[in-house]
mmCIF file of all heavy atoms, coordinates in Angstrom:
data_MODEL
# 
_entry.id   MODEL 
# 
loop_
_atom_site.group_PDB 
_atom_site.id 
_atom_site.type_symbol 
_atom_site.label_atom_id 
_atom_site.label_alt_id 
_atom_site.label_comp_id 
_atom_site.label_asym_id 
_atom_site.label_entity_id 
_atom_site.label_seq_id 
_atom_site.pdbx_PDB_ins_code 
_atom_site.Cartn_x 
_atom_site.Cartn_y 
_atom_site.Cartn_z 
_atom_site.occupancy 
_atom_site.B_iso_or_equiv 
_atom_site.pdbx_formal_charge 
_atom_site.auth_seq_id 
_atom_site.auth_comp_id 
_atom_site.auth_asym_id 
_atom_site.auth_atom_id 
_atom_site.pdbx_PDB_model_num 
ATOM 1   N N   . PHE A 1 1  ? 0.784  -1.218 -0.018  1.00 0.00 ? 1  PHE A N   1 
ATOM 2   C CA  . PHE A 1 1  ? -0.016 -0.042 -0.015  1.00 0.00 ? 1  PHE A CA  1 
ATOM 3   C C   . PHE A 1 1  ? 0.857  1.265  -0.003  1.00 0.00 ? 1  PHE A C   1 
ATOM 4   O O   . PHE A 1 1  ? 0.688  2.129  -0.781  1.00 0.00 ? 1  PHE A O   1 
ATOM 5   C CB  . PHE A 1 1  ? -0.956 0.019  1.166   1.00 0.00 ? 1  PHE A CB  1 
ATOM 6   C CG  . PHE A 1 1  ? -1.632 1.308  1.518   1.00 0.00 ? 1  PHE A CG  1 
ATOM 7   C CD1 . PHE A 1 1  ? -2.622 1.699  0.617   1.00 0.00 ? 1  PHE A CD1 1 
ATOM 8   C CD2 . PHE A 1 1  ? -1.286 2.131  2.525   1.00 0.00 ? 1  PHE A CD2 1 
ATOM 9   C CE1 . PHE A 1 1  ? -3.324 2.909  0.859   1.00 0.00 ? 1  PHE A CE1 1 
ATOM 10  C CE2 . PHE A 1 1  ? -1.928 3.314  2.743   1.00 0.00 ? 1  PHE A CE2 1 
ATOM 11  C CZ  . PHE A 1 1  ? -2.962 3.767  1.962   1.00 0.00 ? 1  PHE A CZ  1 
ATOM 12  N N   . PHE A 1 2  ? 1.795  1.317  0.934   1.00 0.00 ? 2  PHE A N   1 
ATOM 13  C CA  . PHE A 1 2  ? 2.667  2.533  1.009   1.00 0.00 ? 2  PHE A CA  1 
ATOM 14  C C   . PHE A 1 2  ? 3.592  2.639  -0.192  1.00 0.00 ? 2  PHE A C   1 
ATOM 15  O O   . PHE A 1 2  ? 3.892  3.845  -0.636  1.00 0.00 ? 2  PHE A O   1 
ATOM 16  C CB  . PHE A 1 2  ? 3.457  2.475  2.284   1.00 0.00 ? 2  PHE A CB  1 
ATOM 17  C CG  . PHE A 1 2  ? 2.610  2.794  3.552   1.00 0.00 ? 2  PHE A CG  1 
ATOM 18  C CD1 . PHE A 1 2  ? 2.578  1.910  4.583   1.00 0.00 ? 2  PHE A CD1 1 
ATOM 19  C CD2 . PHE A 1 2  ? 1.982  4.060  3.668   1.00 0.00 ? 2  PHE A CD2 1 
ATOM 20  C CE1 . PHE A 1 2  ? 1.793  2.131  5.759   1.00 0.00 ? 2  PHE A CE1 1 
ATOM 21  C CE2 . PHE A 1 2  ? 1.256  4.304  4.826   1.00 0.00 ? 2  PHE A CE2 1 
ATOM 22  C CZ  . PHE A 1 2  ? 1.154  3.371  5.808   1.00 0.00 ? 2  PHE A CZ  1 
ATOM 23  N N   . ALA A 1 3  ? 3.981  1.517  -0.833  1.00 0.00 ? 3  ALA A N   1 
ATOM 24  C CA  . ALA A 1 3  ? 4.751  1.613  -2.039  1.00 0.00 ? 3  ALA A CA  1 
ATOM 25  C C   . ALA A 1 3  ? 3.916  2.273  -3.155  1.00 0.00 ? 3  ALA A C   1 
ATOM 26  O O   . ALA A 1 3  ? 4.383  3.184  -3.924  1.00 0.00 ? 3  ALA A O   1 
ATOM 27  C CB  . ALA A 1 3  ? 5.247  0.262  -2.424  1.00 0.00 ? 3  ALA A CB  1 
ATOM 28  N N   . SER A 1 4  ? 2.689  1.840  -3.235  1.00 0.00 ? 4  SER A N   1 
ATOM 29  C CA  . SER A 1 4  ? 1.788  2.436  -4.352  1.00 0.00 ? 4  SER A CA  1 
ATOM 30  C C   . SER A 1 4  ? 1.501  3.877  -4.063  1.00 0.00 ? 4  SER A C   1 
ATOM 31  O O   . SER A 1 4  ? 1.475  4.722  -5.004  1.00 0.00 ? 4  SER A O   1 
ATOM 32  C CB  . SER A 1 4  ? 0.517  1.610  -4.445  1.00 0.00 ? 4  SER A CB  1 
ATOM 33  O OG  . SER A 1 4  ? -0.197 1.630  -3.292  1.00 0.00 ? 4  SER A OG  1 
ATOM 34  N N   . VAL A 1 5  ? 1.363  4.257  -2.756  1.00 0.00 ? 5  VAL A N   1 
ATOM 35  C CA  . VAL A 1 5  ? 1.111  5.696  -2.402  1.00 0.00 ? 5  VAL A CA  1 
ATOM 36  C C   . VAL A 1 5  ? 2.340  6.540  -2.793  1.00 0.00 ? 5  VAL A C   1 
ATOM 37  O O   . VAL A 1 5  ? 2.199  7.610  -3.345  1.00 0.00 ? 5  VAL A O   1 
ATOM 38  C CB  . VAL A 1 5  ? 0.780  5.775  -0.968  1.00 0.00 ? 5  VAL A CB  1 
ATOM 39  C CG1 . VAL A 1 5  ? 0.773  7.346  -0.504  1.00 0.00 ? 5  VAL A CG1 1 
ATOM 40  C CG2 . VAL A 1 5  ? -0.596 5.180  -0.647  1.00 0.00 ? 5  VAL A CG2 1 
ATOM 41  N N   . CYS A 1 6  ? 3.549  5.954  -2.553  1.00 0.00 ? 6  CYS A N   1 
ATOM 42  C CA  . CYS A 1 6  ? 4.762  6.725  -2.873  1.00 0.00 ? 6  CYS A CA  1 
ATOM 43  C C   . CYS A 1 6  ? 4.838  6.896  -4.356  1.00 0.00 ? 6  CYS A C   1 
ATOM 44  O O   . CYS A 1 6  ? 5.297  7.957  -4.846  1.00 0.00 ? 6  CYS A O   1 
ATOM 45  C CB  . CYS A 1 6  ? 5.972  5.808  -2.349  1.00 0.00 ? 6  CYS A CB  1 
ATOM 46  S SG  . CYS A 1 6  ? 7.548  6.696  -2.488  1.00 0.00 ? 6  CYS A SG  1 
ATOM 47  N N   . ILE A 1 7  ? 4.477  5.923  -5.148  1.00 0.00 ? 7  ILE A N   1 
ATOM 48  C CA  . ILE A 1 7  ? 4.483  6.033  -6.616  1.00 0.00 ? 7  ILE A CA  1 
ATOM 49  C C   . ILE A 1 7  ? 3.562  7.176  -7.015  1.00 0.00 ? 7  ILE A C   1 
ATOM 50  O O   . ILE A 1 7  ? 3.889  7.944  -7.928  1.00 0.00 ? 7  ILE A O   1 
ATOM 51  C CB  . ILE A 1 7  ? 4.167  4.766  -7.296  1.00 0.00 ? 7  ILE A CB  1 
ATOM 52  C CG1 . ILE A 1 7  ? 5.261  3.719  -6.959  1.00 0.00 ? 7  ILE A CG1 1 
ATOM 53  C CG2 . ILE A 1 7  ? 4.047  4.881  -8.774  1.00 0.00 ? 7  ILE A CG2 1 
ATOM 54  C CD1 . ILE A 1 7  ? 4.834  2.268  -7.225  1.00 0.00 ? 7  ILE A CD1 1 
ATOM 55  N N   . VAL A 1 8  ? 2.361  7.202  -6.408  1.00 0.00 ? 8  VAL A N   1 
ATOM 56  C CA  . VAL A 1 8  ? 1.378  8.240  -6.742  1.00 0.00 ? 8  VAL A CA  1 
ATOM 57  C C   . VAL A 1 8  ? 2.031  9.618  -6.429  1.00 0.00 ? 8  VAL A C   1 
ATOM 58  O O   . VAL A 1 8  ? 1.879  10.576 -7.166  1.00 0.00 ? 8  VAL A O   1 
ATOM 59  C CB  . VAL A 1 8  ? 0.084  8.059  -6.024  1.00 0.00 ? 8  VAL A CB  1 
ATOM 60  C CG1 . VAL A 1 8  ? -0.864 9.289  -6.161  1.00 0.00 ? 8  VAL A CG1 1 
ATOM 61  C CG2 . VAL A 1 8  ? -0.628 6.761  -6.473  1.00 0.00 ? 8  VAL A CG2 1 
ATOM 62  N N   . LEU A 1 9  ? 2.662  9.744  -5.287  1.00 0.00 ? 9  LEU A N   1 
ATOM 63  C CA  . LEU A 1 9  ? 3.310  11.008 -4.859  1.00 0.00 ? 9  LEU A CA  1 
ATOM 64  C C   . LEU A 1 9  ? 4.366  11.414 -5.929  1.00 0.00 ? 9  LEU A C   1 
ATOM 65  O O   . LEU A 1 9  ? 4.482  12.630 -6.263  1.00 0.00 ? 9  LEU A O   1 
ATOM 66  C CB  . LEU A 1 9  ? 3.940  10.943 -3.453  1.00 0.00 ? 9  LEU A CB  1 
ATOM 67  C CG  . LEU A 1 9  ? 2.919  10.770 -2.277  1.00 0.00 ? 9  LEU A CG  1 
ATOM 68  C CD1 . LEU A 1 9  ? 3.736  10.574 -1.020  1.00 0.00 ? 9  LEU A CD1 1 
ATOM 69  C CD2 . LEU A 1 9  ? 2.079  11.983 -2.207  1.00 0.00 ? 9  LEU A CD2 1 
ATOM 70  N N   . LEU A 1 10 ? 5.085  10.492 -6.441  1.00 0.00 ? 10 LEU A N   1 
ATOM 71  C CA  . LEU A 1 10 ? 6.117  10.756 -7.438  1.00 0.00 ? 10 LEU A CA  1 
ATOM 72  C C   . LEU A 1 10 ? 5.490  11.256 -8.659  1.00 0.00 ? 10 LEU A C   1 
ATOM 73  O O   . LEU A 1 10 ? 6.105  12.064 -9.447  1.00 0.00 ? 10 LEU A O   1 
ATOM 74  C CB  . LEU A 1 10 ? 6.961  9.487  -7.692  1.00 0.00 ? 10 LEU A CB  1 
ATOM 75  C CG  . LEU A 1 10 ? 7.892  9.041  -6.599  1.00 0.00 ? 10 LEU A CG  1 
ATOM 76  C CD1 . LEU A 1 10 ? 8.592  7.702  -7.007  1.00 0.00 ? 10 LEU A CD1 1 
ATOM 77  C CD2 . LEU A 1 10 ? 8.953  10.030 -6.363  1.00 0.00 ? 10 LEU A CD2 1 
ATOM 78  N N   . SER A 1 11 ? 4.251  10.837 -9.040  1.00 0.00 ? 11 SER A N   1 
ATOM 79  C CA  . SER A 1 11 ? 3.574  11.232 -10.200 1.00 0.00 ? 11 SER A CA  1 
ATOM 80  C C   . SER A 1 11 ? 3.062  12.684 -9.997  1.00 0.00 ? 11 SER A C   1 
ATOM 81  O O   . SER A 1 11 ? 3.099  13.499 -10.907 1.00 0.00 ? 11 SER A O   1 
ATOM 82  C CB  . SER A 1 11 ? 2.326  10.325 -10.475 1.00 0.00 ? 11 SER A CB  1 
ATOM 83  O OG  . SER A 1 11 ? 2.701  9.000  -10.632 1.00 0.00 ? 11 SER A OG  1 
ATOM 84  N N   . VAL A 1 12 ? 2.622  13.015 -8.789  1.00 0.00 ? 12 VAL A N   1 
ATOM 85  C CA  . VAL A 1 12 ? 2.109  14.316 -8.568  1.00 0.00 ? 12 VAL A CA  1 
ATOM 86  C C   . VAL A 1 12 ? 3.108  15.413 -8.417  1.00 0.00 ? 12 VAL A C   1 
ATOM 87  O O   . VAL A 1 12 ? 2.946  16.572 -8.761  1.00 0.00 ? 12 VAL A O   1 
ATOM 88  C CB  . VAL A 1 12 ? 1.204  14.263 -7.262  1.00 0.00 ? 12 VAL A CB  1 
ATOM 89  C CG1 . VAL A 1 12 ? 0.743  15.655 -6.825  1.00 0.00 ? 12 VAL A CG1 1 
ATOM 90  C CG2 . VAL A 1 12 ? -0.047 13.298 -7.476  1.00 0.00 ? 12 VAL A CG2 1 
ATOM 91  N N   . LEU A 1 13 ? 4.259  14.996 -7.821  1.00 0.00 ? 13 LEU A N   1 
ATOM 92  C CA  . LEU A 1 13 ? 5.317  15.999 -7.546  1.00 0.00 ? 13 LEU A CA  1 
ATOM 93  C C   . LEU A 1 13 ? 5.674  16.932 -8.675  1.00 0.00 ? 13 LEU A C   1 
ATOM 94  O O   . LEU A 1 13 ? 5.865  18.097 -8.501  1.00 0.00 ? 13 LEU A O   1 
ATOM 95  C CB  . LEU A 1 13 ? 6.599  15.240 -7.047  1.00 0.00 ? 13 LEU A CB  1 
ATOM 96  C CG  . LEU A 1 13 ? 7.620  16.050 -6.305  1.00 0.00 ? 13 LEU A CG  1 
ATOM 97  C CD1 . LEU A 1 13 ? 7.072  16.704 -5.076  1.00 0.00 ? 13 LEU A CD1 1 
ATOM 98  C CD2 . LEU A 1 13 ? 8.856  15.145 -5.948  1.00 0.00 ? 13 LEU A CD2 1 
ATOM 99  N N   . PRO A 1 14 ? 5.920  16.401 -9.926  1.00 0.00 ? 14 PRO A N   1 
ATOM 100 C CA  . PRO A 1 14 ? 6.282  17.345 -11.006 1.00 0.00 ? 14 PRO A CA  1 
ATOM 101 C C   . PRO A 1 14 ? 5.196  18.393 -11.286 1.00 0.00 ? 14 PRO A C   1 
ATOM 102 O O   . PRO A 1 14 ? 5.544  19.451 -11.834 1.00 0.00 ? 14 PRO A O   1 
ATOM 103 C CB  . PRO A 1 14 ? 6.404  16.417 -12.248 1.00 0.00 ? 14 PRO A CB  1 
ATOM 104 C CG  . PRO A 1 14 ? 6.771  15.059 -11.685 1.00 0.00 ? 14 PRO A CG  1 
ATOM 105 C CD  . PRO A 1 14 ? 5.931  15.009 -10.421 1.00 0.00 ? 14 PRO A CD  1 
ATOM 106 N N   . THR A 1 15 ? 3.951  18.154 -10.829 1.00 0.00 ? 15 THR A N   1 
ATOM 107 C CA  . THR A 1 15 ? 2.895  19.196 -11.130 1.00 0.00 ? 15 THR A CA  1 
ATOM 108 C C   . THR A 1 15 ? 3.096  20.423 -10.262 1.00 0.00 ? 15 THR A C   1 
ATOM 109 O O   . THR A 1 15 ? 2.417  21.438 -10.575 1.00 0.00 ? 15 THR A O   1 
ATOM 110 C CB  . THR A 1 15 ? 1.459  18.601 -10.878 1.00 0.00 ? 15 THR A CB  1 
ATOM 111 O OG1 . THR A 1 15 ? 1.321  18.228 -9.481  1.00 0.00 ? 15 THR A OG1 1 
ATOM 112 C CG2 . THR A 1 15 ? 1.313  17.343 -11.806 1.00 0.00 ? 15 THR A CG2 1 
ATOM 113 N N   . PHE A 1 16 ? 4.034  20.386 -9.304  1.00 0.00 ? 16 PHE A N   1 
ATOM 114 C CA  . PHE A 1 16 ? 4.264  21.593 -8.530  1.00 0.00 ? 16 PHE A CA  1 
ATOM 115 C C   . PHE A 1 16 ? 4.829  22.691 -9.466  1.00 0.00 ? 16 PHE A C   1 
ATOM 116 O O   . PHE A 1 16 ? 4.747  23.934 -9.135  1.00 0.00 ? 16 PHE A O   1 
ATOM 117 C CB  . PHE A 1 16 ? 5.290  21.244 -7.400  1.00 0.00 ? 16 PHE A CB  1 
ATOM 118 C CG  . PHE A 1 16 ? 4.578  20.630 -6.180  1.00 0.00 ? 16 PHE A CG  1 
ATOM 119 C CD1 . PHE A 1 16 ? 3.563  19.858 -6.260  1.00 0.00 ? 16 PHE A CD1 1 
ATOM 120 C CD2 . PHE A 1 16 ? 5.201  20.983 -4.932  1.00 0.00 ? 16 PHE A CD2 1 
ATOM 121 C CE1 . PHE A 1 16 ? 2.922  19.332 -5.112  1.00 0.00 ? 16 PHE A CE1 1 
ATOM 122 C CE2 . PHE A 1 16 ? 4.596  20.416 -3.765  1.00 0.00 ? 16 PHE A CE2 1 
ATOM 123 C CZ  . PHE A 1 16 ? 3.478  19.657 -3.878  1.00 0.00 ? 16 PHE A CZ  1 
ATOM 124 N N   . LEU A 1 17 ? 5.438  22.359 -10.597 1.00 0.00 ? 17 LEU A N   1 
ATOM 125 C CA  . LEU A 1 17 ? 5.924  23.263 -11.609 1.00 0.00 ? 17 LEU A CA  1 
ATOM 126 C C   . LEU A 1 17 ? 4.727  24.105 -12.077 1.00 0.00 ? 17 LEU A C   1 
ATOM 127 O O   . LEU A 1 17 ? 4.924  25.344 -12.400 1.00 0.00 ? 17 LEU A O   1 
ATOM 128 C CB  . LEU A 1 17 ? 6.648  22.583 -12.715 1.00 0.00 ? 17 LEU A CB  1 
ATOM 129 C CG  . LEU A 1 17 ? 7.911  21.946 -12.403 1.00 0.00 ? 17 LEU A CG  1 
ATOM 130 C CD1 . LEU A 1 17 ? 8.406  21.146 -13.594 1.00 0.00 ? 17 LEU A CD1 1 
ATOM 131 C CD2 . LEU A 1 17 ? 8.959  22.925 -11.968 1.00 0.00 ? 17 LEU A CD2 1 
ATOM 132 N N   . TYR A 1 18 ? 3.579  23.570 -12.062 1.00 0.00 ? 18 TYR A N   1 
ATOM 133 C CA  . TYR A 1 18 ? 2.402  24.342 -12.537 1.00 0.00 ? 18 TYR A CA  1 
ATOM 134 C C   . TYR A 1 18 ? 2.047  25.501 -11.623 1.00 0.00 ? 18 TYR A C   1 
ATOM 135 O O   . TYR A 1 18 ? 1.621  26.580 -12.066 1.00 0.00 ? 18 TYR A O   1 
ATOM 136 C CB  . TYR A 1 18 ? 1.119  23.395 -12.578 1.00 0.00 ? 18 TYR A CB  1 
ATOM 137 C CG  . TYR A 1 18 ? 1.279  22.297 -13.550 1.00 0.00 ? 18 TYR A CG  1 
ATOM 138 C CD1 . TYR A 1 18 ? 0.343  21.246 -13.395 1.00 0.00 ? 18 TYR A CD1 1 
ATOM 139 C CD2 . TYR A 1 18 ? 2.166  22.277 -14.562 1.00 0.00 ? 18 TYR A CD2 1 
ATOM 140 C CE1 . TYR A 1 18 ? 0.452  20.107 -14.365 1.00 0.00 ? 18 TYR A CE1 1 
ATOM 141 C CE2 . TYR A 1 18 ? 2.262  21.135 -15.444 1.00 0.00 ? 18 TYR A CE2 1 
ATOM 142 C CZ  . TYR A 1 18 ? 1.367  20.085 -15.380 1.00 0.00 ? 18 TYR A CZ  1 
ATOM 143 O OH  . TYR A 1 18 ? 1.403  19.056 -16.193 1.00 0.00 ? 18 TYR A OH  1 
ATOM 144 N N   . ILE A 1 19 ? 2.425  25.355 -10.367 1.00 0.00 ? 19 ILE A N   1 
ATOM 145 C CA  . ILE A 1 19 ? 2.194  26.473 -9.421  1.00 0.00 ? 19 ILE A CA  1 
ATOM 146 C C   . ILE A 1 19 ? 3.006  27.686 -9.771  1.00 0.00 ? 19 ILE A C   1 
ATOM 147 O O   . ILE A 1 19 ? 2.587  28.797 -9.755  1.00 0.00 ? 19 ILE A O   1 
ATOM 148 C CB  . ILE A 1 19 ? 2.490  26.076 -7.973  1.00 0.00 ? 19 ILE A CB  1 
ATOM 149 C CG1 . ILE A 1 19 ? 1.666  24.857 -7.532  1.00 0.00 ? 19 ILE A CG1 1 
ATOM 150 C CG2 . ILE A 1 19 ? 2.309  27.163 -7.004  1.00 0.00 ? 19 ILE A CG2 1 
ATOM 151 C CD1 . ILE A 1 19 ? 1.975  24.267 -6.176  1.00 0.00 ? 19 ILE A CD1 1 
ATOM 152 N N   . ILE A 1 20 ? 4.309  27.466 -10.206 1.00 0.00 ? 20 ILE A N   1 
ATOM 153 C CA  . ILE A 1 20 ? 5.212  28.546 -10.569 1.00 0.00 ? 20 ILE A CA  1 
ATOM 154 C C   . ILE A 1 20 ? 4.591  29.194 -11.790 1.00 0.00 ? 20 ILE A C   1 
ATOM 155 O O   . ILE A 1 20 ? 4.638  30.451 -11.977 1.00 0.00 ? 20 ILE A O   1 
ATOM 156 C CB  . ILE A 1 20 ? 6.617  28.018 -10.852 1.00 0.00 ? 20 ILE A CB  1 
ATOM 157 C CG1 . ILE A 1 20 ? 7.166  27.309 -9.568  1.00 0.00 ? 20 ILE A CG1 1 
ATOM 158 C CG2 . ILE A 1 20 ? 7.518  29.042 -11.316 1.00 0.00 ? 20 ILE A CG2 1 
ATOM 159 C CD1 . ILE A 1 20 ? 8.543  26.619 -9.798  1.00 0.00 ? 20 ILE A CD1 1 
ATOM 160 N N   . CYS A 1 21 ? 4.140  28.440 -12.800 1.00 0.00 ? 21 CYS A N   1 
ATOM 161 C CA  . CYS A 1 21 ? 3.619  28.934 -14.058 1.00 0.00 ? 21 CYS A CA  1 
ATOM 162 C C   . CYS A 1 21 ? 2.358  29.794 -13.806 1.00 0.00 ? 21 CYS A C   1 
ATOM 163 O O   . CYS A 1 21 ? 2.288  30.947 -14.316 1.00 0.00 ? 21 CYS A O   1 
ATOM 164 C CB  . CYS A 1 21 ? 3.241  27.859 -15.043 1.00 0.00 ? 21 CYS A CB  1 
ATOM 165 S SG  . CYS A 1 21 ? 4.687  26.828 -15.531 1.00 0.00 ? 21 CYS A SG  1 
ATOM 166 N N   . VAL A 1 22 ? 1.440  29.268 -13.064 1.00 0.00 ? 22 VAL A N   1 
ATOM 167 C CA  . VAL A 1 22 ? 0.242  30.091 -12.684 1.00 0.00 ? 22 VAL A CA  1 
ATOM 168 C C   . VAL A 1 22 ? 0.538  31.293 -11.858 1.00 0.00 ? 22 VAL A C   1 
ATOM 169 O O   . VAL A 1 22 ? -0.049 32.289 -11.967 1.00 0.00 ? 22 VAL A O   1 
ATOM 170 C CB  . VAL A 1 22 ? -0.799 29.159 -11.961 1.00 0.00 ? 22 VAL A CB  1 
ATOM 171 C CG1 . VAL A 1 22 ? -2.020 29.914 -11.602 1.00 0.00 ? 22 VAL A CG1 1 
ATOM 172 C CG2 . VAL A 1 22 ? -1.192 27.989 -12.905 1.00 0.00 ? 22 VAL A CG2 1 
ATOM 173 N N   . TYR A 1 23 ? 1.478  31.134 -11.014 1.00 0.00 ? 23 TYR A N   1 
ATOM 174 C CA  . TYR A 1 23 ? 1.978  32.269 -10.133 1.00 0.00 ? 23 TYR A CA  1 
ATOM 175 C C   . TYR A 1 23 ? 2.357  33.481 -11.042 1.00 0.00 ? 23 TYR A C   1 
ATOM 176 O O   . TYR A 1 23 ? 2.086  34.647 -10.713 1.00 0.00 ? 23 TYR A O   1 
ATOM 177 C CB  . TYR A 1 23 ? 3.159  31.831 -9.279  1.00 0.00 ? 23 TYR A CB  1 
ATOM 178 C CG  . TYR A 1 23 ? 3.629  32.863 -8.273  1.00 0.00 ? 23 TYR A CG  1 
ATOM 179 C CD1 . TYR A 1 23 ? 3.119  32.982 -6.998  1.00 0.00 ? 23 TYR A CD1 1 
ATOM 180 C CD2 . TYR A 1 23 ? 4.626  33.775 -8.655  1.00 0.00 ? 23 TYR A CD2 1 
ATOM 181 C CE1 . TYR A 1 23 ? 3.565  33.954 -6.124  1.00 0.00 ? 23 TYR A CE1 1 
ATOM 182 C CE2 . TYR A 1 23 ? 5.107  34.727 -7.758  1.00 0.00 ? 23 TYR A CE2 1 
ATOM 183 C CZ  . TYR A 1 23 ? 4.512  34.778 -6.478  1.00 0.00 ? 23 TYR A CZ  1 
ATOM 184 O OH  . TYR A 1 23 ? 4.998  35.780 -5.561  1.00 0.00 ? 23 TYR A OH  1 
ATOM 185 N N   . GLN A 1 24 ? 3.099  33.132 -12.124 1.00 0.00 ? 24 GLN A N   1 
ATOM 186 C CA  . GLN A 1 24 ? 3.528  34.170 -13.066 1.00 0.00 ? 24 GLN A CA  1 
ATOM 187 C C   . GLN A 1 24 ? 2.475  34.737 -13.940 1.00 0.00 ? 24 GLN A C   1 
ATOM 188 O O   . GLN A 1 24 ? 2.518  35.854 -14.396 1.00 0.00 ? 24 GLN A O   1 
ATOM 189 C CB  . GLN A 1 24 ? 4.724  33.609 -13.955 1.00 0.00 ? 24 GLN A CB  1 
ATOM 190 C CG  . GLN A 1 24 ? 6.001  33.162 -13.236 1.00 0.00 ? 24 GLN A CG  1 
ATOM 191 C CD  . GLN A 1 24 ? 6.619  34.323 -12.530 1.00 0.00 ? 24 GLN A CD  1 
ATOM 192 O OE1 . GLN A 1 24 ? 6.684  35.459 -13.111 1.00 0.00 ? 24 GLN A OE1 1 
ATOM 193 N NE2 . GLN A 1 24 ? 7.191  34.143 -11.359 1.00 0.00 ? 24 GLN A NE2 1 
ATOM 194 N N   . LEU A 1 25 ? 1.391  33.975 -14.051 1.00 0.00 ? 25 LEU A N   1 
ATOM 195 C CA  . LEU A 1 25 ? 0.265  34.388 -14.903 1.00 0.00 ? 25 LEU A CA  1 
ATOM 196 C C   . LEU A 1 25 ? -0.665 35.358 -14.213 1.00 0.00 ? 25 LEU A C   1 
ATOM 197 O O   . LEU A 1 25 ? -1.570 35.927 -14.740 1.00 0.00 ? 25 LEU A O   1 
ATOM 198 C CB  . LEU A 1 25 ? -0.490 33.238 -15.432 1.00 0.00 ? 25 LEU A CB  1 
ATOM 199 C CG  . LEU A 1 25 ? 0.202  32.329 -16.498 1.00 0.00 ? 25 LEU A CG  1 
ATOM 200 C CD1 . LEU A 1 25 ? -0.571 31.089 -16.819 1.00 0.00 ? 25 LEU A CD1 1 
ATOM 201 C CD2 . LEU A 1 25 ? 0.464  33.156 -17.737 1.00 0.00 ? 25 LEU A CD2 1 
ATOM 202 N N   . GLY A 1 26 ? -0.572 35.433 -12.827 1.00 0.00 ? 26 GLY A N   1 
ATOM 203 C CA  . GLY A 1 26 ? -1.372 36.243 -12.068 1.00 0.00 ? 26 GLY A CA  1 
ATOM 204 C C   . GLY A 1 26 ? -1.241 37.742 -12.376 1.00 0.00 ? 26 GLY A C   1 
ATOM 205 O O   . GLY A 1 26 ? -0.297 38.159 -12.922 1.00 0.00 ? 26 GLY A O   1 
ATOM 206 N N   . SER A 1 27 ? -2.344 38.496 -12.153 1.00 0.00 ? 27 SER A N   1 
ATOM 207 C CA  . SER A 1 27 ? -2.343 39.900 -12.420 1.00 0.00 ? 27 SER A CA  1 
ATOM 208 C C   . SER A 1 27 ? -2.875 40.583 -11.155 1.00 0.00 ? 27 SER A C   1 
ATOM 209 O O   . SER A 1 27 ? -4.063 40.610 -10.903 1.00 0.00 ? 27 SER A O   1 
ATOM 210 C CB  . SER A 1 27 ? -3.322 40.267 -13.650 1.00 0.00 ? 27 SER A CB  1 
ATOM 211 O OG  . SER A 1 27 ? -3.224 41.552 -13.854 1.00 0.00 ? 27 SER A OG  1 
# 
């Protein structure tokens, strides 16, 4: 179970880059 959760976290982690992108798009 925890191994599969860890894999899911690894999948989600790169999407943190989207925060930077949207941060720059703010007005």
